[in-house]
Amino acid sequence: MYKTTGLVFDANRTGQRWSCGLPVFSTFSTILAPNGPSVLLTGDTSRYLGGPTSYHTGGANASMVDGSVQFISSTIGTGNQDLPAVMSGISPYGVWGALGSASGGDSGSL
């Protein structure tokens, strides 16, 4: 729901606007862990950073490029969360960051 002072999220509506083109409804990053917190610049739906969310306790399902589906635990290694986002090269965000980067290298076991 929108208010004049910014955005308010209703946790009961997760996934309801997946086909909307706004990043806040249709994207996620491999910086913040699944079902973790999300951040949004108040009133600006294009400046969003959040991990995937689901109603699965302890993580979220993810479909991989090879067509498989993996359960990603909320406790997956996320590396150093104090570092700024990177645009290229190896991700500093642990195993989770490696899964979302072409330069991530071998992510090991999930």
PDB file of N, CA and C in Angstrom:
ATOM      1  N   MET A   1       0.842  -1.160   0.000  1.00  0.00           N
ATOM      2  CA  MET A   1       0.000   0.000   0.000  1.00  0.00           C
ATOM      3  C   MET A   1       0.891   1.228   0.000  1.00  0.00           C
ATOM      4  N   TYR A   2       0.495   2.274  -0.706  1.00  0.00           N
ATOM      5  CA  TYR A   2       1.255   3.515  -0.777  1.00  0.00           C
ATOM      6  C   TYR A   2       0.657   4.553   0.160  1.00  0.00           C
ATOM      7  N   LYS A   3       1.491   5.382   0.732  1.00  0.00           N
ATOM      8  CA  LYS A   3       1.062   6.535   1.503  1.00  0.00           C
ATOM      9  C   LYS A   3       1.823   7.741   0.986  1.00  0.00           C
ATOM     10  N   THR A   4       1.353   8.934   1.280  1.00  0.00           N
ATOM     11  CA  THR A   4       2.020  10.131   0.776  1.00  0.00           C
ATOM     12  C   THR A   4       3.408  10.313   1.369  1.00  0.00           C
ATOM     13  N   THR A   5       3.699   9.703   2.503  1.00  0.00           N
ATOM     14  CA  THR A   5       5.005   9.842   3.136  1.00  0.00           C
ATOM     15  C   THR A   5       6.007   8.805   2.655  1.00  0.00           C
ATOM     16  N   GLY A   6       5.639   7.882   1.842  1.00  0.00           N
ATOM     17  CA  GLY A   6       6.552   6.853   1.359  1.00  0.00           C
ATOM     18  C   GLY A   6       5.833   5.535   1.156  1.00  0.00           C
ATOM     19  N   LEU A   7       6.595   4.459   1.189  1.00  0.00           N
ATOM     20  CA  LEU A   7       6.030   3.131   0.978  1.00  0.00           C
ATOM     21  C   LEU A   7       5.858   2.392   2.289  1.00  0.00           C
ATOM     22  N   VAL A   8       4.819   1.638   2.366  1.00  0.00           N
ATOM     23  CA  VAL A   8       4.583   0.768   3.503  1.00  0.00           C
ATOM     24  C   VAL A   8       4.389  -0.631   2.940  1.00  0.00           C
ATOM     25  N   PHE A   9       5.135  -1.604   3.452  1.00  0.00           N
ATOM     26  CA  PHE A   9       5.011  -2.971   2.970  1.00  0.00           C
ATOM     27  C   PHE A   9       4.078  -3.762   3.856  1.00  0.00           C
ATOM     28  N   ASP A  10       3.257  -4.548   3.247  1.00  0.00           N
ATOM     29  CA  ASP A  10       2.364  -5.462   3.943  1.00  0.00           C
ATOM     30  C   ASP A  10       2.916  -6.856   3.715  1.00  0.00           C
ATOM     31  N   ALA A  11       3.454  -7.476   4.766  1.00  0.00           N
ATOM     32  CA  ALA A  11       4.093  -8.787   4.641  1.00  0.00           C
ATOM     33  C   ALA A  11       3.137  -9.861   4.135  1.00  0.00           C
ATOM     34  N   ASN A  12       1.849  -9.646   4.256  1.00  0.00           N
ATOM     35  CA  ASN A  12       0.880 -10.632   3.800  1.00  0.00           C
ATOM     36  C   ASN A  12       0.656 -10.589   2.293  1.00  0.00           C
ATOM     37  N   ARG A  13       1.291  -9.685   1.599  1.00  0.00           N
ATOM     38  CA  ARG A  13       1.098  -9.559   0.152  1.00  0.00           C
ATOM     39  C   ARG A  13       2.334  -9.951  -0.639  1.00  0.00           C
ATOM     40  N   THR A  14       3.236 -10.682  -0.049  1.00  0.00           N
ATOM     41  CA  THR A  14       4.460 -11.089  -0.737  1.00  0.00           C
ATOM     42  C   THR A  14       4.121 -11.815  -2.029  1.00  0.00           C
ATOM     43  N   GLY A  15       4.711 -11.364  -3.125  1.00  0.00           N
ATOM     44  CA  GLY A  15       4.539 -12.020  -4.414  1.00  0.00           C
ATOM     45  C   GLY A  15       3.284 -11.653  -5.184  1.00  0.00           C
ATOM     46  N   GLN A  16       2.444 -10.782  -4.673  1.00  0.00           N
ATOM     47  CA  GLN A  16       1.200 -10.484  -5.363  1.00  0.00           C
ATOM     48  C   GLN A  16       1.369  -9.596  -6.586  1.00  0.00           C
ATOM     49  N   ARG A  17       2.452  -8.831  -6.666  1.00  0.00           N
ATOM     50  CA  ARG A  17       2.640  -7.948  -7.818  1.00  0.00           C
ATOM     51  C   ARG A  17       3.887  -8.346  -8.603  1.00  0.00           C
ATOM     52  N   TRP A  18       4.151  -9.646  -8.722  1.00  0.00           N
ATOM     53  CA  TRP A  18       5.363 -10.125  -9.385  1.00  0.00           C
ATOM     54  C   TRP A  18       5.449  -9.683 -10.833  1.00  0.00           C
ATOM     55  N   SER A  19       4.331  -9.457 -11.497  1.00  0.00           N
ATOM     56  CA  SER A  19       4.377  -9.083 -12.911  1.00  0.00           C
ATOM     57  C   SER A  19       4.498  -7.581 -13.118  1.00  0.00           C
ATOM     58  N   CYS A  20       4.449  -6.815 -12.059  1.00  0.00           N
ATOM     59  CA  CYS A  20       4.640  -5.362 -12.147  1.00  0.00           C
ATOM     60  C   CYS A  20       6.114  -5.108 -12.460  1.00  0.00           C
ATOM     61  N   GLY A  21       6.425  -4.144 -13.283  1.00  0.00           N
ATOM     62  CA  GLY A  21       7.800  -3.899 -13.688  1.00  0.00           C
ATOM     63  C   GLY A  21       8.658  -3.162 -12.677  1.00  0.00           C
ATOM     64  N   LEU A  22       8.084  -2.656 -11.603  1.00  0.00           N
ATOM     65  CA  LEU A  22       8.878  -1.911 -10.624  1.00  0.00           C
ATOM     66  C   LEU A  22       9.844  -2.845  -9.893  1.00  0.00           C
ATOM     67  N   PRO A  23      11.104  -2.431  -9.728  1.00  0.00           N
ATOM     68  CA  PRO A  23      12.082  -3.290  -9.064  1.00  0.00           C
ATOM     69  C   PRO A  23      11.654  -3.764  -7.680  1.00  0.00           C
ATOM     70  N   VAL A  24      10.951  -2.948  -6.946  1.00  0.00           N
ATOM     71  CA  VAL A  24      10.541  -3.327  -5.599  1.00  0.00           C
ATOM     72  C   VAL A  24       9.629  -4.553  -5.601  1.00  0.00           C
ATOM     73  N   PHE A  25       8.958  -4.830  -6.705  1.00  0.00           N
ATOM     74  CA  PHE A  25       8.056  -5.970  -6.789  1.00  0.00           C
ATOM     75  C   PHE A  25       8.604  -7.128  -7.612  1.00  0.00           C
ATOM     76  N   SER A  26       9.617  -6.896  -8.436  1.00  0.00           N
ATOM     77  CA  SER A  26      10.013  -7.929  -9.389  1.00  0.00           C
ATOM     78  C   SER A  26      11.494  -8.317  -9.361  1.00  0.00           C
ATOM     79  N   THR A  27      12.279  -7.777  -8.434  1.00  0.00           N
ATOM     80  CA  THR A  27      13.701  -8.116  -8.403  1.00  0.00           C
ATOM     81  C   THR A  27      14.134  -8.558  -7.007  1.00  0.00           C
ATOM     82  N   PHE A  28      15.290  -9.168  -6.948  1.00  0.00           N
ATOM     83  CA  PHE A  28      15.944  -9.449  -5.672  1.00  0.00           C
ATOM     84  C   PHE A  28      17.441  -9.474  -5.933  1.00  0.00           C
ATOM     85  N   SER A  29      18.207  -9.405  -4.875  1.00  0.00           N
ATOM     86  CA  SER A  29      19.657  -9.435  -5.017  1.00  0.00           C
ATOM     87  C   SER A  29      20.222 -10.637  -4.277  1.00  0.00           C
ATOM     88  N   THR A  30      21.469 -10.942  -4.566  1.00  0.00           N
ATOM     89  CA  THR A  30      22.156 -12.001  -3.829  1.00  0.00           C
ATOM     90  C   THR A  30      23.169 -11.353  -2.890  1.00  0.00           C
ATOM     91  N   ILE A  31      22.698 -10.336  -2.189  1.00  0.00           N
ATOM     92  CA  ILE A  31      23.474  -9.679  -1.138  1.00  0.00           C
ATOM     93  C   ILE A  31      22.845 -10.009   0.205  1.00  0.00           C
ATOM     94  N   LEU A  32      21.561  -9.722   0.356  1.00  0.00           N
ATOM     95  CA  LEU A  32      20.839 -10.019   1.588  1.00  0.00           C
ATOM     96  C   LEU A  32      20.227 -11.420   1.491  1.00  0.00           C
ATOM     97  N   ALA A  33      20.307 -12.178   2.560  1.00  0.00           N
ATOM     98  CA  ALA A  33      19.863 -13.573   2.569  1.00  0.00           C
ATOM     99  C   ALA A  33      18.358 -13.719   2.327  1.00  0.00           C
ATOM    100  N   PRO A  34      17.931 -14.885   1.855  1.00  0.00           N
ATOM    101  CA  PRO A  34      16.498 -15.142   1.678  1.00  0.00           C
ATOM    102  C   PRO A  34      15.715 -14.894   2.970  1.00  0.00           C
ATOM    103  N   ASN A  35      14.559 -14.313   2.818  1.00  0.00           N
ATOM    104  CA  ASN A  35      13.664 -13.971   3.926  1.00  0.00           C
ATOM    105  C   ASN A  35      14.292 -12.997   4.911  1.00  0.00           C
ATOM    106  N   GLY A  36      15.363 -12.324   4.502  1.00  0.00           N
ATOM    107  CA  GLY A  36      16.007 -11.336   5.354  1.00  0.00           C
ATOM    108  C   GLY A  36      15.356  -9.971   5.188  1.00  0.00           C
ATOM    109  N   PRO A  37      15.958  -8.958   5.791  1.00  0.00           N
ATOM    110  CA  PRO A  37      15.395  -7.610   5.680  1.00  0.00           C
ATOM    111  C   PRO A  37      15.562  -7.061   4.272  1.00  0.00           C
ATOM    112  N   SER A  38      14.738  -6.099   3.942  1.00  0.00           N
ATOM    113  CA  SER A  38      14.834  -5.404   2.661  1.00  0.00           C
ATOM    114  C   SER A  38      14.943  -3.915   2.950  1.00  0.00           C
ATOM    115  N   VAL A  39      15.615  -3.194   2.079  1.00  0.00           N
ATOM    116  CA  VAL A  39      15.740  -1.749   2.256  1.00  0.00           C
ATOM    117  C   VAL A  39      15.251  -1.049   1.002  1.00  0.00           C
ATOM    118  N   LEU A  40      14.630   0.097   1.225  1.00  0.00           N
ATOM    119  CA  LEU A  40      14.037   0.870   0.138  1.00  0.00           C
ATOM    120  C   LEU A  40      14.154   2.336   0.484  1.00  0.00           C
ATOM    121  N   LEU A  41      14.615   3.141  -0.465  1.00  0.00           N
ATOM    122  CA  LEU A  41      14.633   4.574  -0.273  1.00  0.00           C
ATOM    123  C   LEU A  41      13.189   5.048  -0.256  1.00  0.00           C
ATOM    124  N   THR A  42      12.763   5.673   0.824  1.00  0.00           N
ATOM    125  CA  THR A  42      11.366   6.063   0.999  1.00  0.00           C
ATOM    126  C   THR A  42      10.855   6.836  -0.204  1.00  0.00           C
ATOM    127  N   GLY A  43       9.761   6.343  -0.758  1.00  0.00           N
ATOM    128  CA  GLY A  43       9.107   7.006  -1.875  1.00  0.00           C
ATOM    129  C   GLY A  43       9.719   6.746  -3.237  1.00  0.00           C
ATOM    130  N   ASP A  44      10.796   5.961  -3.318  1.00  0.00           N
ATOM    131  CA  ASP A  44      11.458   5.706  -4.594  1.00  0.00           C
ATOM    132  C   ASP A  44      11.491   4.200  -4.848  1.00  0.00           C
ATOM    133  N   THR A  45      10.535   3.697  -5.605  1.00  0.00           N
ATOM    134  CA  THR A  45      10.434   2.253  -5.831  1.00  0.00           C
ATOM    135  C   THR A  45      11.523   1.707  -6.749  1.00  0.00           C
ATOM    136  N   SER A  46      12.359   2.553  -7.333  1.00  0.00           N
ATOM    137  CA  SER A  46      13.425   2.066  -8.200  1.00  0.00           C
ATOM    138  C   SER A  46      14.718   1.815  -7.423  1.00  0.00           C
ATOM    139  N   ARG A  47      14.793   2.225  -6.167  1.00  0.00           N
ATOM    140  CA  ARG A  47      16.002   2.057  -5.368  1.00  0.00           C
ATOM    141  C   ARG A  47      15.713   1.077  -4.235  1.00  0.00           C
ATOM    142  N   TYR A  48      15.751  -0.204  -4.590  1.00  0.00           N
ATOM    143  CA  TYR A  48      15.365  -1.278  -3.684  1.00  0.00           C
ATOM    144  C   TYR A  48      16.480  -2.300  -3.585  1.00  0.00           C
ATOM    145  N   LEU A  49      16.704  -2.827  -2.382  1.00  0.00           N
ATOM    146  CA  LEU A  49      17.668  -3.894  -2.179  1.00  0.00           C
ATOM    147  C   LEU A  49      17.051  -4.912  -1.223  1.00  0.00           C
ATOM    148  N   GLY A  50      16.839  -6.100  -1.703  1.00  0.00           N
ATOM    149  CA  GLY A  50      16.256  -7.136  -0.854  1.00  0.00           C
ATOM    150  C   GLY A  50      16.515  -8.510  -1.428  1.00  0.00           C
ATOM    151  N   GLY A  51      16.491  -9.487  -0.567  1.00  0.00           N
ATOM    152  CA  GLY A  51      16.642 -10.873  -0.993  1.00  0.00           C
ATOM    153  C   GLY A  51      15.293 -11.472  -1.353  1.00  0.00           C
ATOM    154  N   PRO A  52      15.289 -12.690  -1.854  1.00  0.00           N
ATOM    155  CA  PRO A  52      14.012 -13.336  -2.171  1.00  0.00           C
ATOM    156  C   PRO A  52      13.235 -13.630  -0.892  1.00  0.00           C
ATOM    157  N   THR A  53      11.931 -13.576  -0.981  1.00  0.00           N
ATOM    158  CA  THR A  53      11.088 -13.885   0.170  1.00  0.00           C
ATOM    159  C   THR A  53      10.121 -15.000  -0.197  1.00  0.00           C
ATOM    160  N   SER A  54       9.711 -15.740   0.809  1.00  0.00           N
ATOM    161  CA  SER A  54       8.742 -16.805   0.585  1.00  0.00           C
ATOM    162  C   SER A  54       8.051 -17.120   1.892  1.00  0.00           C
ATOM    163  N   TYR A  55       7.046 -17.946   1.811  1.00  0.00           N
ATOM    164  CA  TYR A  55       6.373 -18.410   3.013  1.00  0.00           C
ATOM    165  C   TYR A  55       6.999 -19.700   3.522  1.00  0.00           C
ATOM    166  N   HIS A  56       8.148 -20.092   2.981  1.00  0.00           N
ATOM    167  CA  HIS A  56       8.857 -21.289   3.431  1.00  0.00           C
ATOM    168  C   HIS A  56       9.678 -20.930   4.670  1.00  0.00           C
ATOM    169  N   THR A  57       9.492 -21.641   5.736  1.00  0.00           N
ATOM    170  CA  THR A  57      10.264 -21.402   6.947  1.00  0.00           C
ATOM    171  C   THR A  57      11.719 -21.754   6.706  1.00  0.00           C
ATOM    172  N   GLY A  58      12.615 -20.839   7.011  1.00  0.00           N
ATOM    173  CA  GLY A  58      14.041 -21.119   6.948  1.00  0.00           C
ATOM    174  C   GLY A  58      14.701 -20.917   5.604  1.00  0.00           C
ATOM    175  N   GLY A  59      14.010 -20.372   4.608  1.00  0.00           N
ATOM    176  CA  GLY A  59      14.641 -20.141   3.321  1.00  0.00           C
ATOM    177  C   GLY A  59      13.643 -19.923   2.203  1.00  0.00           C
ATOM    178  N   ALA A  60      14.127 -20.089   0.984  1.00  0.00           N
ATOM    179  CA  ALA A  60      13.286 -19.885  -0.199  1.00  0.00           C
ATOM    180  C   ALA A  60      13.724 -20.838  -1.303  1.00  0.00           C
ATOM    181  N   ASN A  61      12.801 -21.215  -2.161  1.00  0.00           N
ATOM    182  CA  ASN A  61      13.134 -22.023  -3.330  1.00  0.00           C
ATOM    183  C   ASN A  61      13.679 -21.111  -4.423  1.00  0.00           C
ATOM    184  N   ALA A  62      14.673 -21.603  -5.139  1.00  0.00           N
ATOM    185  CA  ALA A  62      15.257 -20.841  -6.242  1.00  0.00           C
ATOM    186  C   ALA A  62      15.375 -21.745  -7.456  1.00  0.00           C
ATOM    187  N   SER A  63      14.964 -21.249  -8.619  1.00  0.00           N
ATOM    188  CA  SER A  63      15.149 -22.019  -9.848  1.00  0.00           C
ATOM    189  C   SER A  63      16.472 -21.606 -10.465  1.00  0.00           C
ATOM    190  N   MET A  64      17.246 -22.594 -10.821  1.00  0.00           N
ATOM    191  CA  MET A  64      18.584 -22.373 -11.373  1.00  0.00           C
ATOM    192  C   MET A  64      18.534 -22.355 -12.900  1.00  0.00           C
ATOM    193  N   VAL A  65      19.607 -21.889 -13.507  1.00  0.00           N
ATOM    194  CA  VAL A  65      19.682 -21.785 -14.963  1.00  0.00           C
ATOM    195  C   VAL A  65      19.559 -23.153 -15.627  1.00  0.00           C
ATOM    196  N   ASP A  66      20.009 -24.208 -14.952  1.00  0.00           N
ATOM    197  CA  ASP A  66      19.929 -25.546 -15.541  1.00  0.00           C
ATOM    198  C   ASP A  66      18.543 -26.171 -15.399  1.00  0.00           C
ATOM    199  N   GLY A  67      17.580 -25.432 -14.844  1.00  0.00           N
ATOM    200  CA  GLY A  67      16.215 -25.919 -14.706  1.00  0.00           C
ATOM    201  C   GLY A  67      15.929 -26.590 -13.373  1.00  0.00           C
ATOM    202  N   SER A  68      16.937 -26.799 -12.559  1.00  0.00           N
ATOM    203  CA  SER A  68      16.714 -27.414 -11.252  1.00  0.00           C
ATOM    204  C   SER A  68      16.162 -26.389 -10.262  1.00  0.00           C
ATOM    205  N   VAL A  69      15.584 -26.890  -9.200  1.00  0.00           N
ATOM    206  CA  VAL A  69      15.089 -26.028  -8.127  1.00  0.00           C
ATOM    207  C   VAL A  69      15.833 -26.414  -6.860  1.00  0.00           C
ATOM    208  N   GLN A  70      16.386 -25.426  -6.189  1.00  0.00           N
ATOM    209  CA  GLN A  70      17.144 -25.643  -4.959  1.00  0.00           C
ATOM    210  C   GLN A  70      16.498 -24.851  -3.825  1.00  0.00           C
ATOM    211  N   PHE A  71      16.509 -25.413  -2.631  1.00  0.00           N
ATOM    212  CA  PHE A  71      16.067 -24.678  -1.457  1.00  0.00           C
ATOM    213  C   PHE A  71      17.279 -23.943  -0.910  1.00  0.00           C
ATOM    214  N   ILE A  72      17.205 -22.623  -0.818  1.00  0.00           N
ATOM    215  CA  ILE A  72      18.300 -21.806  -0.305  1.00  0.00           C
ATOM    216  C   ILE A  72      17.964 -21.418   1.131  1.00  0.00           C
ATOM    217  N   SER A  73      18.785 -21.853   2.059  1.00  0.00           N
ATOM    218  CA  SER A  73      18.556 -21.593   3.474  1.00  0.00           C
ATOM    219  C   SER A  73      18.778 -20.117   3.800  1.00  0.00           C
ATOM    220  N   SER A  74      18.026 -19.607   4.754  1.00  0.00           N
ATOM    221  CA  SER A  74      18.201 -18.231   5.219  1.00  0.00           C
ATOM    222  C   SER A  74      19.546 -18.030   5.908  1.00  0.00           C
ATOM    223  N   THR A  75      20.205 -19.130   6.270  1.00  0.00           N
ATOM    224  CA  THR A  75      21.501 -19.031   6.939  1.00  0.00           C
ATOM    225  C   THR A  75      22.670 -19.207   5.971  1.00  0.00           C
ATOM    226  N   ILE A  76      22.429 -19.149   4.666  1.00  0.00           N
ATOM    227  CA  ILE A  76      23.495 -19.273   3.677  1.00  0.00           C
ATOM    228  C   ILE A  76      24.547 -18.180   3.925  1.00  0.00           C
ATOM    229  N   GLY A  77      25.798 -18.486   3.669  1.00  0.00           N
ATOM    230  CA  GLY A  77      26.876 -17.525   3.881  1.00  0.00           C
ATOM    231  C   GLY A  77      26.714 -16.292   2.994  1.00  0.00           C
ATOM    232  N   THR A  78      26.684 -15.119   3.615  1.00  0.00           N
ATOM    233  CA  THR A  78      26.501 -13.874   2.871  1.00  0.00           C
ATOM    234  C   THR A  78      27.730 -12.969   2.935  1.00  0.00           C
ATOM    235  N   GLY A  79      28.849 -13.475   3.411  1.00  0.00           N
ATOM    236  CA  GLY A  79      30.088 -12.708   3.403  1.00  0.00           C
ATOM    237  C   GLY A  79      30.025 -11.452   4.254  1.00  0.00           C
ATOM    238  N   ASN A  80      30.723 -10.426   3.806  1.00  0.00           N
ATOM    239  CA  ASN A  80      30.824  -9.168   4.542  1.00  0.00           C
ATOM    240  C   ASN A  80      29.730  -8.207   4.092  1.00  0.00           C
ATOM    241  N   GLN A  81      28.682  -8.062   4.887  1.00  0.00           N
ATOM    242  CA  GLN A  81      27.545  -7.203   4.557  1.00  0.00           C
ATOM    243  C   GLN A  81      27.869  -5.719   4.655  1.00  0.00           C
ATOM    244  N   ASP A  82      29.028  -5.363   5.193  1.00  0.00           N
ATOM    245  CA  ASP A  82      29.408  -3.952   5.327  1.00  0.00           C
ATOM    246  C   ASP A  82      30.030  -3.383   4.052  1.00  0.00           C
ATOM    247  N   LEU A  83      30.354  -4.241   3.091  1.00  0.00           N
ATOM    248  CA  LEU A  83      30.973  -3.776   1.855  1.00  0.00           C
ATOM    249  C   LEU A  83      29.921  -3.234   0.891  1.00  0.00           C
ATOM    250  N   PRO A  84      30.278  -2.235   0.080  1.00  0.00           N
ATOM    251  CA  PRO A  84      29.319  -1.705  -0.898  1.00  0.00           C
ATOM    252  C   PRO A  84      29.078  -2.701  -2.034  1.00  0.00           C
ATOM    253  N   ALA A  85      27.995  -2.510  -2.747  1.00  0.00           N
ATOM    254  CA  ALA A  85      27.660  -3.370  -3.885  1.00  0.00           C
ATOM    255  C   ALA A  85      28.749  -3.275  -4.950  1.00  0.00           C
ATOM    256  N   VAL A  86      29.003  -4.384  -5.625  1.00  0.00           N
ATOM    257  CA  VAL A  86      29.988  -4.417  -6.707  1.00  0.00           C
ATOM    258  C   VAL A  86      29.266  -4.586  -8.035  1.00  0.00           C
ATOM    259  N   MET A  87      29.838  -4.010  -9.089  1.00  0.00           N
ATOM    260  CA  MET A  87      29.221  -4.094 -10.413  1.00  0.00           C
ATOM    261  C   MET A  87      29.871  -5.156 -11.291  1.00  0.00           C
ATOM    262  N   SER A  88      31.077  -5.598 -10.940  1.00  0.00           N
ATOM    263  CA  SER A  88      31.748  -6.647 -11.709  1.00  0.00           C
ATOM    264  C   SER A  88      32.777  -7.322 -10.808  1.00  0.00           C
ATOM    265  N   GLY A  89      33.275  -8.460 -11.269  1.00  0.00           N
ATOM    266  CA  GLY A  89      34.263  -9.195 -10.495  1.00  0.00           C
ATOM    267  C   GLY A  89      33.629 -10.131  -9.490  1.00  0.00           C
ATOM    268  N   ILE A  90      34.460 -10.678  -8.624  1.00  0.00           N
ATOM    269  CA  ILE A  90      34.005 -11.645  -7.630  1.00  0.00           C
ATOM    270  C   ILE A  90      33.205 -10.939  -6.541  1.00  0.00           C
ATOM    271  N   SER A  91      32.094 -11.515  -6.184  1.00  0.00           N
ATOM    272  CA  SER A  91      31.219 -10.945  -5.155  1.00  0.00           C
ATOM    273  C   SER A  91      31.820 -11.140  -3.766  1.00  0.00           C
ATOM    274  N   PRO A  92      31.777 -10.110  -2.916  1.00  0.00           N
ATOM    275  CA  PRO A  92      32.260 -10.253  -1.545  1.00  0.00           C
ATOM    276  C   PRO A  92      31.199 -10.814  -0.592  1.00  0.00           C
ATOM    277  N   TYR A  93      30.044 -11.237  -1.142  1.00  0.00           N
ATOM    278  CA  TYR A  93      28.917 -11.629  -0.306  1.00  0.00           C
ATOM    279  C   TYR A  93      28.782 -13.137  -0.147  1.00  0.00           C
ATOM    280  N   GLY A  94      29.895 -13.811   0.022  1.00  0.00           N
ATOM    281  CA  GLY A  94      29.925 -15.231   0.350  1.00  0.00           C
ATOM    282  C   GLY A  94      29.333 -16.146  -0.708  1.00  0.00           C
ATOM    283  N   VAL A  95      28.858 -17.284  -0.271  1.00  0.00           N
ATOM    284  CA  VAL A  95      28.271 -18.290  -1.161  1.00  0.00           C
ATOM    285  C   VAL A  95      27.053 -17.712  -1.881  1.00  0.00           C
ATOM    286  N   TRP A  96      26.223 -16.978  -1.163  1.00  0.00           N
ATOM    287  CA  TRP A  96      25.017 -16.392  -1.748  1.00  0.00           C
ATOM    288  C   TRP A  96      25.381 -15.407  -2.848  1.00  0.00           C
ATOM    289  N   GLY A  97      26.360 -14.559  -2.615  1.00  0.00           N
ATOM    290  CA  GLY A  97      26.805 -13.616  -3.635  1.00  0.00           C
ATOM    291  C   GLY A  97      27.392 -14.320  -4.850  1.00  0.00           C
ATOM    292  N   ALA A  98      28.125 -15.414  -4.610  1.00  0.00           N
ATOM    293  CA  ALA A  98      28.713 -16.172  -5.712  1.00  0.00           C
ATOM    294  C   ALA A  98      27.645 -16.765  -6.614  1.00  0.00           C
ATOM    295  N   LEU A  99      26.517 -17.174  -6.041  1.00  0.00           N
ATOM    296  CA  LEU A  99      25.434 -17.748  -6.851  1.00  0.00           C
ATOM    297  C   LEU A  99      24.816 -16.718  -7.792  1.00  0.00           C
ATOM    298  N   GLY A 100      24.913 -15.441  -7.463  1.00  0.00           N
ATOM    299  CA  GLY A 100      24.322 -14.411  -8.292  1.00  0.00           C
ATOM    300  C   GLY A 100      25.313 -13.676  -9.166  1.00  0.00           C
ATOM    301  N   SER A 101      26.528 -14.171  -9.270  1.00  0.00           N
ATOM    302  CA  SER A 101      27.561 -13.485 -10.036  1.00  0.00           C
ATOM    303  C   SER A 101      28.191 -14.411 -11.058  1.00  0.00           C
ATOM    304  N   ALA A 102      28.351 -13.913 -12.270  1.00  0.00           N
ATOM    305  CA  ALA A 102      29.036 -14.694 -13.298  1.00  0.00           C
ATOM    306  C   ALA A 102      30.496 -14.909 -12.930  1.00  0.00           C
ATOM    307  N   SER A 103      31.050 -14.028 -12.117  1.00  0.00           N
ATOM    308  CA  SER A 103      32.446 -14.134 -11.679  1.00  0.00           C
ATOM    309  C   SER A 103      32.564 -14.737 -10.286  1.00  0.00           C
ATOM    310  N   GLY A 104      31.503 -15.357  -9.818  1.00  0.00           N
ATOM    311  CA  GLY A 104      31.456 -15.837  -8.440  1.00  0.00           C
ATOM    312  C   GLY A 104      32.339 -17.030  -8.155  1.00  0.00           C
ATOM    313  N   GLY A 105      32.702 -17.779  -9.166  1.00  0.00           N
ATOM    314  CA  GLY A 105      33.501 -18.968  -8.951  1.00  0.00           C
ATOM    315  C   GLY A 105      32.652 -20.114  -8.433  1.00  0.00           C
ATOM    316  N   ASP A 106      33.289 -21.131  -7.909  1.00  0.00           N
ATOM    317  CA  ASP A 106      32.600 -22.309  -7.399  1.00  0.00           C
ATOM    318  C   ASP A 106      31.929 -21.940  -6.072  1.00  0.00           C
ATOM    319  N   SER A 107      30.632 -22.124  -6.005  1.00  0.00           N
ATOM    320  CA  SER A 107      29.893 -21.751  -4.797  1.00  0.00           C
ATOM    321  C   SER A 107      29.917 -22.846  -3.742  1.00  0.00           C
ATOM    322  N   GLY A 108      30.481 -23.992  -4.049  1.00  0.00           N
ATOM    323  CA  GLY A 108      30.506 -25.085  -3.079  1.00  0.00           C
ATOM    324  C   GLY A 108      29.123 -25.666  -2.893  1.00  0.00           C
ATOM    325  N   SER A 109      28.880 -26.229  -1.730  1.00  0.00           N
ATOM    326  CA  SER A 109      27.558 -26.830  -1.496  1.00  0.00           C
ATOM    327  C   SER A 109      26.607 -25.805  -0.918  1.00  0.00           C
ATOM    328  N   LEU A 110      25.330 -25.987  -1.228  1.00  0.00           N
ATOM    329  CA  LEU A 110      24.310 -25.086  -0.714  1.00  0.00           C
ATOM    330  C   LEU A 110      23.932 -25.523   0.673  1.00  0.00           C
TER     331      LEU A 110
END
